[in-house]
Protein backbone atom coordinates (compact mmCIF):
# COMPACT_ATOMS: atom_id res chain seq x y z
CA MET A 1 14.66 -7.59 13.56
CA PRO A 2 18.41 -8.22 14.38
CA LEU A 3 20.65 -9.95 11.68
CA THR A 4 21.54 -13.54 12.48
CA ASP A 5 24.47 -15.64 11.74
CA PRO A 6 26.37 -15.63 9.49
CA LEU A 7 26.83 -11.93 10.33
CA PRO A 8 28.59 -9.78 7.65
CA SER A 9 32.28 -9.14 8.05
CA LEU A 10 33.87 -5.77 8.16
CA GLU A 11 35.15 -6.24 4.57
CA GLU A 12 31.55 -7.05 3.34
CA ILE A 13 30.12 -4.08 5.15
CA LEU A 14 32.74 -1.84 3.72
CA GLU A 15 32.04 -3.38 0.17
CA SER A 16 28.32 -2.58 0.66
CA ILE A 17 29.06 1.03 1.53
CA GLY A 18 31.02 1.28 -1.60
CA VAL A 19 28.31 -0.24 -3.79
CA GLY A 20 25.75 2.21 -2.23
CA GLY A 21 28.04 5.19 -2.83
CA ARG A 22 28.56 4.27 -6.39
CA ARG A 23 24.81 3.78 -7.02
CA LEU A 24 23.88 7.23 -5.49
CA ALA A 25 26.56 8.84 -7.84
CA ALA A 26 24.93 7.01 -10.73
CA ILE A 27 21.52 8.70 -10.08
CA ASP A 28 23.22 12.05 -9.52
CA ALA A 29 22.42 12.13 -5.89
CA THR A 30 25.81 13.01 -4.48
CA GLU A 31 27.48 15.85 -6.35
CA GLY A 32 31.09 16.46 -5.23
CA GLY A 33 31.63 15.64 -1.59
CA ALA A 34 27.79 15.73 -0.81
CA GLY A 35 26.17 12.90 0.94
CA ASN A 36 27.34 10.53 3.78
CA ILE A 37 26.82 6.99 5.00
CA SER A 38 27.03 5.27 8.36
CA VAL A 39 26.56 1.71 9.63
CA CYS A 40 25.94 0.90 13.30
CA ILE A 41 27.17 -2.65 14.20
CA GLY A 42 25.98 -4.30 17.46
CA TRP A 43 28.25 -7.27 17.59
CA PRO A 44 31.99 -7.39 18.40
CA ILE A 45 33.98 -6.68 15.30
CA GLU A 46 37.70 -6.11 14.91
CA VAL A 47 38.56 -2.89 13.10
CA ARG A 48 42.15 -2.27 14.04
CA ARG A 49 43.68 -4.24 11.24
CA GLN A 50 42.20 -1.97 8.60
CA PHE A 51 41.93 1.13 10.93
CA PRO A 52 45.16 1.03 13.18
CA GLN A 53 45.13 4.65 14.22
CA SER A 54 43.14 5.63 17.26
CA GLU A 55 42.02 8.68 19.26
CA THR A 56 39.35 9.38 21.80
CA ILE A 57 36.58 11.71 20.78
CA ASP A 58 33.47 13.36 22.26
CA LEU A 59 30.25 12.18 20.60
CA PRO A 60 28.16 15.00 19.04
CA VAL A 61 25.13 13.69 20.98
CA ALA A 62 24.70 11.33 23.89
CA ALA A 63 24.05 7.71 22.65
CA PRO A 64 22.96 5.79 25.85
CA SER A 65 21.75 2.83 23.70
CA LEU A 66 25.04 2.30 21.83
CA PRO A 67 27.82 1.35 24.36
CA GLY A 68 29.70 -1.64 22.79
CA HIS A 69 28.53 -0.77 19.23
CA THR A 70 30.87 0.26 16.34
CA ILE A 71 29.83 2.79 13.70
CA LEU A 72 31.38 3.03 10.46
CA VAL A 73 30.97 6.55 9.17
CA THR A 74 32.29 8.61 6.08
CA GLY A 75 34.59 11.44 6.63
CA SER A 76 33.76 15.08 5.72
CA GLY A 77 34.30 15.97 2.17
CA ARG A 78 34.82 12.39 0.92
CA ARG A 79 33.15 11.64 -2.45
CA LEU A 80 30.59 8.78 -2.15
CA ARG A 81 31.46 7.78 -5.67
CA ASP A 82 34.99 6.89 -4.52
CA LEU A 83 34.01 4.79 -1.40
CA ASP A 84 34.35 1.44 -3.31
CA ARG A 85 37.78 2.47 -4.45
CA LEU A 86 39.06 4.28 -1.40
CA PRO A 87 37.23 2.89 1.65
CA LEU A 88 40.06 3.25 4.06
CA GLU A 89 40.91 6.79 3.00
CA SER A 90 37.28 7.83 3.39
CA ILE A 91 35.81 5.98 6.47
CA GLY A 92 36.42 6.07 10.18
CA ALA A 93 35.19 3.42 12.79
CA VAL A 94 33.88 4.90 16.12
CA ALA A 95 33.58 2.45 19.07
CA VAL A 96 31.15 3.90 21.48
CA HIS A 97 32.37 3.87 25.17
CA ASP A 98 30.42 2.59 28.10
CA ASP A 99 29.43 6.14 29.12
CA GLY A 100 27.70 6.68 25.70
CA ILE A 101 29.13 10.19 25.39
CA ARG A 102 32.60 9.42 24.12
CA GLY A 103 34.05 6.90 21.67
CA THR A 104 37.40 5.76 20.16
CA LEU A 105 37.78 6.86 16.49
CA TYR A 106 39.83 4.41 14.44
CA THR A 107 41.15 5.44 11.18
CA ALA A 108 43.50 4.15 8.55
CA ASN A 109 47.10 5.31 7.87
CA VAL A 110 45.89 6.53 4.63
CA ARG A 111 43.03 8.65 6.13
CA GLN A 112 41.99 11.65 3.93
CA PHE A 113 39.69 13.68 6.03
CA GLU A 114 40.05 15.85 9.03
CA THR A 115 36.64 15.19 10.61
CA LEU A 116 33.71 12.90 10.29
CA THR A 117 30.80 13.98 8.27
CA SER A 118 29.13 17.27 9.20
CA GLU A 119 25.80 15.37 9.56
CA TRP A 120 27.34 13.01 12.12
CA ASN A 121 25.06 14.15 14.81
CA SER A 122 21.93 13.13 12.92
CA HIS A 123 23.42 9.74 11.93
CA LEU A 124 24.33 8.98 15.54
CA ALA A 125 21.00 10.14 16.98
CA VAL A 126 18.91 8.00 14.46
CA HIS A 127 21.13 5.04 15.17
CA ASP A 128 20.65 5.37 18.93
CA ASP A 129 16.85 6.00 18.76
CA THR A 130 16.39 3.06 16.37
CA VAL A 131 18.49 0.60 18.49
CA ALA A 132 16.55 1.63 21.62
CA ARG A 133 13.15 1.12 20.01
CA THR A 134 13.82 -2.05 18.00
CA GLY A 135 16.83 -3.76 19.39
CA THR A 136 18.23 -4.24 15.93
CA ASN A 137 22.02 -5.14 15.92
CA PHE A 138 22.48 -3.54 12.48
CA HIS A 139 21.39 -0.14 11.22
CA ALA A 140 22.41 1.81 8.03
CA VAL A 141 21.78 5.58 7.51
CA VAL A 142 22.27 7.25 4.21
CA HIS A 143 22.08 10.94 3.39
CA ALA A 144 22.08 12.00 -0.24
CA GLN A 145 20.87 14.88 -2.49
CA PRO A 146 18.64 13.40 -5.32
CA PRO A 147 17.85 16.38 -7.64
CA HIS A 148 14.14 15.75 -8.32
CA LEU A 149 13.15 15.16 -4.71
CA VAL A 150 15.09 18.32 -3.72
CA TYR A 151 13.55 20.37 -6.46
CA LEU A 152 10.07 19.32 -5.50
CA SER A 153 10.78 20.27 -1.85
CA HIS A 154 11.43 23.83 -3.01
CA ARG A 155 7.77 24.11 -4.23
CA PRO A 156 5.49 25.21 -1.22
CA GLU A 157 2.55 23.07 -2.52
CA TYR A 158 4.47 19.85 -1.73
CA ALA A 159 5.10 20.70 1.94
CA ASP A 160 2.22 18.55 3.12
CA GLU A 161 3.59 15.07 3.98
CA ASP A 162 0.63 13.07 2.80
CA LEU A 163 0.12 14.95 -0.26
CA PHE A 164 3.86 14.58 -1.06
CA SER A 165 3.76 10.87 -0.68
CA ARG A 166 0.64 10.30 -2.61
CA ARG A 167 1.82 12.42 -5.52
CA LEU A 168 5.09 10.47 -5.76
CA ILE A 169 3.67 6.92 -4.95
CA ARG A 170 1.07 7.14 -7.80
CA TRP A 171 3.55 6.78 -10.68
CA GLN A 172 4.76 3.17 -10.19
CA PRO A 173 3.01 0.18 -8.44
CA GLU A 174 6.31 -0.88 -6.83
CA THR A 175 6.61 2.40 -4.89
CA ILE A 176 3.89 1.74 -2.32
CA VAL A 177 5.21 -1.78 -1.72
CA GLN A 178 8.73 -0.41 -1.06
CA LEU A 179 7.56 2.63 1.02
CA PRO A 180 4.29 1.68 2.54
CA ALA A 181 4.77 4.38 5.21
CA GLY A 182 5.28 6.99 2.60
CA ILE A 183 7.91 9.58 2.47
CA GLY A 184 8.56 12.06 5.45
CA ILE A 185 9.14 15.68 4.62
CA LEU A 186 10.68 18.33 6.93
CA PRO A 187 10.79 22.02 6.43
CA PHE A 188 14.13 23.59 5.73
CA MET A 189 16.35 23.53 8.80
CA LEU A 190 20.07 24.56 9.10
CA PRO A 191 22.25 21.54 8.04
CA SER A 192 24.06 19.83 10.89
CA SER A 193 21.85 21.75 13.47
CA GLU A 194 20.32 20.15 16.55
CA GLU A 195 16.94 21.15 15.29
CA LEU A 196 17.43 19.17 12.16
CA MET A 197 18.83 16.16 14.07
CA ALA A 198 15.84 16.06 16.49
CA ALA A 199 13.27 16.44 13.67
CA THR A 200 14.97 13.70 11.74
CA VAL A 201 14.85 11.21 14.68
CA VAL A 202 11.19 11.81 14.90
CA SER A 203 10.41 11.51 11.19
CA LEU A 204 12.43 8.37 10.69
CA ARG A 205 10.50 6.63 13.55
CA GLY A 206 7.62 6.41 11.23
CA HIS A 207 9.20 6.47 7.79
CA ARG A 208 12.18 4.73 6.29
CA ILE A 209 13.09 7.91 4.23
CA THR A 210 12.50 11.53 4.87
CA VAL A 211 13.24 14.71 2.79
CA TRP A 212 15.16 17.61 4.32
CA SER A 213 13.49 20.37 2.30
CA LYS A 214 15.84 22.46 0.06
CA HIS A 215 18.69 20.06 0.96
CA GLY A 216 18.39 16.34 0.55
CA VAL A 217 17.06 13.11 2.06
CA MET A 218 17.98 10.62 4.77
CA ALA A 219 17.04 6.93 4.67
CA ARG A 220 17.54 4.00 6.88
CA SER A 221 17.57 0.23 6.83
CA ASP A 222 18.11 -2.48 9.39
CA ILE A 223 18.92 -4.84 6.66
CA SER A 224 21.72 -3.31 4.50
CA VAL A 225 23.14 -0.13 3.11
CA THR A 226 22.00 -0.92 -0.36
CA ARG A 227 18.50 -1.30 1.00
CA ALA A 228 18.55 2.26 2.41
CA VAL A 229 19.95 3.30 -1.05
CA ASP A 230 17.14 1.47 -2.88
CA ARG A 231 14.57 3.48 -0.83
CA ILE A 232 16.15 6.70 -1.90
CA GLU A 233 16.11 5.48 -5.59
CA TYR A 234 12.46 4.51 -5.42
CA ALA A 235 11.53 7.84 -3.90
CA GLU A 236 13.62 9.67 -6.48
CA ALA A 237 12.09 7.75 -9.43
CA GLY A 238 8.62 9.00 -8.15
CA GLY A 239 10.15 12.48 -7.90
CA ARG A 240 11.43 12.31 -11.48
CA TYR A 241 7.92 11.25 -12.77
CA GLU A 242 6.36 14.11 -10.87
CA TYR A 243 8.83 16.57 -12.28
CA MET A 244 8.19 15.26 -15.81
CA ASP A 245 4.46 15.76 -15.36
CA LEU A 246 4.95 19.27 -14.14
CA VAL A 247 7.18 20.05 -17.17
CA ALA A 248 4.61 18.55 -19.46
CA GLY A 249 1.92 20.84 -17.97
CA GLY A 250 0.32 18.20 -15.77
CA GLY A 251 -2.36 15.75 -16.70
CA GLY A 252 -0.64 12.43 -16.05
CA GLU A 253 -3.22 10.36 -14.13
CA GLY A 254 -0.92 8.13 -12.29
CA LEU A 255 -2.41 5.25 -10.22
CA THR A 256 -5.84 6.18 -8.89
CA ASP A 257 -6.61 5.83 -5.19
CA GLU A 258 -8.59 2.73 -5.97
CA GLU A 259 -5.68 1.18 -7.99
CA SER A 260 -3.32 1.94 -5.09
CA ALA A 261 -5.77 0.45 -2.63
CA GLU A 262 -5.67 -2.63 -4.79
CA MET A 263 -1.96 -2.87 -4.41
CA VAL A 264 -2.19 -2.37 -0.66
CA GLU A 265 -4.67 -5.19 -0.25
CA ALA A 266 -2.95 -7.58 -2.73
CA PHE A 267 0.38 -7.30 -0.92
CA GLY A 268 -0.91 -6.99 2.59
CA LEU A 269 0.65 -3.67 3.19
CA LYS A 270 0.31 -1.62 6.38
CA THR A 271 -0.24 2.02 5.32
CA ASP A 272 -2.48 4.91 6.25
CA LEU A 273 -2.03 6.48 2.71
CA PHE A 274 -4.81 4.56 0.92
């Protein structure tokens, strides 16, 4: 559903990116320069006051649904924990051209990155697919590396998507409410590859968060950056409980299927998990 007036200002969106980056750092999901954030804005927004430098760039993938949109995206190697303190040094704004294959990259005079994030292709492809399917005028995508989720993705028994979701959702009643479609999980694919990009687009059609096995996660929201970060935090909390149970030798019951089904009915959730 598109955002309606009053639409957030550029300053407010930059602030939300900073809040999201700081929270991801607080849960140890973004070591060093790991992780990246982007926001696709579908209404006219002036960026040149904060980002006066401009250059034409080729987009990493065609974005036929995004002409006229502006995408704020973090630069390669920038620390997410510093985004609230150094937004202009760390973020670029890409205005997509009418052809959907090029854009104008606006950056600040204090820019501290050479290129946009190495996962820029996946961000752009997910934005384009979501806007085409839903017509939303706002979309946030967040990539992070929460340790418990990543650890579990190294264990072959968690490769089954339904099993993975059910094992993590069972630890807290809130999780099924926040992630009724469950958690997607993809096998390991080369970071930044076209293969990973294409698989992520498909996975995030049905989920709001998907795990890149042995690497990290990508989450999305058409409400706010912080909502996408919340989804990572809920999933990581489930992963932490699951890890604790493994370390303790198993035996934690978690919510039973019947108890989870009660949650589904009580909150009117649409899910195929229970």
